[in-house]
């Protein structure tokens, strides 16, 4: 489940974030309380300014906030958006939480916003994230070399996308995976 990110998600999300593997390919280090609060305040400010749509990912059985994702790189003039800044507590990996979040976000982007393209990017070395994008299936578009300077060094970014013509097949795949209870 997803709901708009709010300040009162802070404690649950901070607890969910306390695993280095969650942050290996984004921050390169696990955020302390101050770093996490800076992330949360930035996320809320970007959403309030209309530059992003930030969400808390909730564990369906408990309703607890266990991660986050957002729309960013909003380009309404090109009917395009990026989905990114996605992270989940390690306990939620392979549970279907990310599959459901991607289904909800892609559905809204294509069927409500009328997007013709949704893009994703990840560190080119992040095999887990790349496998998840391929399983949508999103189309691999290539590597932007030395694309970003990250806290852990320079990053090559692997780009993926789903376009409107592909959305019905991607939607069917995600629904089938959720019906099977597959987090893979």
Protein backbone atom coordinates (compact mmCIF):
# COMPACT_ATOMS: atom_id res chain seq x y z
CA UNK A 1 0.00 0.00 0.00
CA UNK A 2 1.05 3.57 -0.54
CA UNK A 3 0.02 6.80 1.07
CA UNK A 4 1.41 10.31 0.75
CA UNK A 5 4.54 10.73 2.86
CA UNK A 6 3.91 12.63 6.09
CA UNK A 7 6.03 13.80 9.00
CA UNK A 8 4.28 11.32 11.30
CA UNK A 9 5.76 8.42 9.28
CA UNK A 10 9.17 9.42 10.63
CA UNK A 11 9.62 6.96 13.50
CA UNK A 12 8.40 3.91 11.59
CA UNK A 13 10.45 4.80 8.52
CA UNK A 14 13.56 5.53 10.55
CA UNK A 15 13.27 2.11 12.21
CA UNK A 16 12.76 0.49 8.78
CA UNK A 17 15.82 2.25 7.40
CA UNK A 18 18.37 0.88 9.84
CA UNK A 19 20.17 -1.58 7.57
CA UNK A 20 23.20 -0.69 5.49
CA UNK A 21 22.01 -2.86 2.58
CA UNK A 22 18.98 -0.59 2.18
CA UNK A 23 21.28 2.35 1.41
CA UNK A 24 24.30 0.72 -0.26
CA UNK A 25 23.49 2.09 -3.74
CA UNK A 26 21.95 5.41 -2.74
CA UNK A 27 23.74 7.00 0.20
CA UNK A 28 26.49 4.43 0.58
CA UNK A 29 26.03 4.60 4.34
CA UNK A 30 23.14 4.13 6.73
CA UNK A 31 21.64 7.47 7.77
CA UNK A 32 21.84 8.51 11.40
CA UNK A 33 18.85 10.31 12.93
CA UNK A 34 19.97 13.71 11.63
CA UNK A 35 20.62 12.38 8.13
CA UNK A 36 17.28 10.62 8.07
CA UNK A 37 15.47 13.74 9.25
CA UNK A 38 17.19 15.74 6.50
CA UNK A 39 15.97 13.16 3.93
CA UNK A 40 12.42 13.37 5.32
CA UNK A 41 12.34 17.17 5.37
CA UNK A 42 13.73 17.36 1.83
CA UNK A 43 11.15 14.80 0.65
CA UNK A 44 8.27 16.70 2.25
CA UNK A 45 9.53 20.05 0.90
CA UNK A 46 9.85 18.69 -2.66
CA UNK A 47 6.32 17.30 -2.48
CA UNK A 48 4.91 20.55 -1.04
CA UNK A 49 6.60 22.52 -3.84
CA UNK A 50 5.10 20.23 -6.49
CA UNK A 51 8.49 18.96 -7.65
CA UNK A 52 7.90 15.37 -6.46
CA UNK A 53 5.19 13.05 -5.27
CA UNK A 54 6.60 11.28 -2.20
CA UNK A 55 4.94 8.21 -0.71
CA UNK A 56 5.32 5.95 2.28
CA UNK A 57 5.14 2.25 1.46
CA UNK A 58 3.02 0.47 4.05
CA UNK A 59 3.09 -3.17 5.09
CA UNK A 60 -0.40 -4.36 4.22
CA UNK A 61 -0.97 -6.63 7.28
CA UNK A 62 0.31 -4.21 9.93
CA UNK A 63 -0.17 -0.83 8.26
CA UNK A 64 3.36 0.15 9.34
CA UNK A 65 5.49 2.39 7.12
CA UNK A 66 8.32 0.20 5.80
CA UNK A 67 9.80 2.23 2.93
CA UNK A 68 9.29 5.00 0.45
CA UNK A 69 9.13 5.80 -3.25
CA UNK A 70 8.34 8.89 -5.27
CA UNK A 71 7.58 10.48 -8.58
CA UNK A 72 10.33 12.87 -9.60
CA UNK A 73 11.71 14.45 -12.76
CA UNK A 74 8.16 15.57 -13.49
CA UNK A 75 7.83 16.60 -17.14
CA UNK A 76 4.13 17.13 -17.82
CA UNK A 77 4.91 18.92 -21.09
CA UNK A 78 6.39 15.61 -22.32
CA UNK A 79 3.87 13.39 -20.48
CA UNK A 80 6.75 11.75 -18.64
CA UNK A 81 7.77 11.06 -15.06
CA UNK A 82 10.45 9.14 -13.20
CA UNK A 83 9.79 6.72 -10.36
CA UNK A 84 12.68 6.56 -7.96
CA UNK A 85 14.19 7.12 -4.54
CA UNK A 86 12.63 3.74 -3.77
CA UNK A 87 13.75 1.92 -0.67
CA UNK A 88 12.27 -0.77 1.56
CA UNK A 89 13.21 -2.34 4.87
CA UNK A 90 15.13 -5.54 4.13
CA UNK A 91 12.35 -7.52 5.85
CA UNK A 92 10.05 -6.37 3.00
CA UNK A 93 12.29 -7.53 0.16
CA UNK A 94 10.65 -10.23 -1.97
CA UNK A 95 7.31 -9.86 -0.15
CA UNK A 96 5.43 -8.19 -2.99
CA UNK A 97 5.52 -4.74 -1.35
CA UNK A 98 7.65 -3.29 -4.15
CA UNK A 99 5.60 -5.06 -6.84
CA UNK A 100 2.40 -3.54 -5.42
CA UNK A 101 3.97 -0.08 -5.09
CA UNK A 102 5.17 -0.16 -8.71
CA UNK A 103 1.74 -1.33 -9.90
CA UNK A 104 0.01 1.52 -8.07
CA UNK A 105 2.49 4.16 -9.22
CA UNK A 106 2.57 3.00 -12.84
CA UNK A 107 -1.22 2.72 -12.93
CA UNK A 108 -1.60 6.29 -11.71
CA UNK A 109 1.06 7.59 -14.08
CA UNK A 110 -0.41 5.96 -17.19
CA UNK A 111 -4.12 5.78 -16.45
CA UNK A 112 -4.65 8.98 -14.46
CA UNK A 113 -1.87 11.33 -15.53
CA UNK A 114 -1.81 10.18 -19.15
CA UNK A 115 1.93 9.62 -19.21
CA UNK A 116 3.48 8.21 -22.35
CA UNK A 117 6.73 7.30 -20.55
CA UNK A 118 7.78 6.33 -17.04
CA UNK A 119 11.48 6.03 -16.42
CA UNK A 120 13.67 4.53 -13.73
CA UNK A 121 17.37 4.76 -13.03
CA UNK A 122 19.66 2.93 -10.65
CA UNK A 123 23.33 2.52 -9.97
CA UNK A 124 24.60 0.29 -12.78
CA UNK A 125 26.18 -2.01 -10.15
CA UNK A 126 22.91 -2.49 -8.24
CA UNK A 127 22.05 -5.96 -9.50
CA UNK A 128 19.05 -6.41 -7.19
CA UNK A 129 17.40 -3.20 -8.38
CA UNK A 130 18.20 -3.93 -12.02
CA UNK A 131 16.68 -7.41 -11.72
CA UNK A 132 13.52 -5.91 -10.18
CA UNK A 133 13.21 -3.44 -13.06
CA UNK A 134 13.76 -6.16 -15.66
CA UNK A 135 11.05 -8.25 -13.96
CA UNK A 136 8.41 -5.50 -14.37
CA UNK A 137 9.42 -5.74 -17.27
CA UNK A 138 10.90 -2.32 -17.92
CA UNK A 139 13.08 -1.91 -20.98
CA UNK A 140 16.79 -1.38 -20.41
CA UNK A 141 17.88 1.74 -22.30
CA UNK A 142 21.56 1.93 -21.50
CA UNK A 143 24.15 3.27 -19.10
CA UNK A 144 24.81 6.97 -18.52
CA UNK A 145 28.48 6.87 -17.62
CA UNK A 146 29.72 9.01 -14.74
CA UNK A 147 26.19 10.31 -14.50
CA UNK A 148 26.04 11.33 -10.85
CA UNK A 149 28.31 12.16 -7.96
CA UNK A 150 27.05 10.22 -4.96
CA UNK A 151 28.28 10.19 -1.35
CA UNK A 152 30.13 6.93 -2.13
CA UNK A 153 31.71 8.15 -5.39
CA UNK A 154 30.85 8.65 -9.04
CA UNK A 155 27.92 6.60 -10.29
CA UNK A 156 27.12 5.15 -13.67
CA UNK A 157 23.31 5.03 -13.97
CA UNK A 158 21.37 2.26 -15.69
CA UNK A 159 18.22 3.64 -17.31
CA UNK A 160 14.98 1.70 -17.81
CA UNK A 161 11.53 2.73 -19.01
CA UNK A 162 7.99 1.59 -19.58
CA UNK A 163 6.06 3.36 -22.33
CA UNK A 164 2.30 3.59 -22.72
CA UNK A 165 2.14 0.88 -25.39
CA UNK A 166 3.88 -1.56 -23.02
CA UNK A 167 1.82 -0.67 -19.96
CA UNK A 168 -1.03 -3.20 -20.48
CA UNK A 169 1.45 -6.11 -20.56
CA UNK A 170 3.43 -4.74 -17.63
CA UNK A 171 0.19 -4.25 -15.64
CA UNK A 172 -0.90 -7.82 -16.37
CA UNK A 173 2.50 -9.15 -15.30
CA UNK A 174 2.46 -7.20 -12.03
CA UNK A 175 -1.11 -8.27 -11.24
CA UNK A 176 -0.24 -11.91 -11.93
CA UNK A 177 2.82 -11.70 -9.69
CA UNK A 178 0.73 -10.24 -6.87
CA UNK A 179 -1.96 -12.91 -7.34
CA UNK A 180 0.73 -15.61 -7.00
CA UNK A 181 2.01 -13.90 -3.89
CA UNK A 182 5.32 -13.39 -5.62
CA UNK A 183 7.69 -10.78 -4.37
CA UNK A 184 10.21 -11.83 -6.99
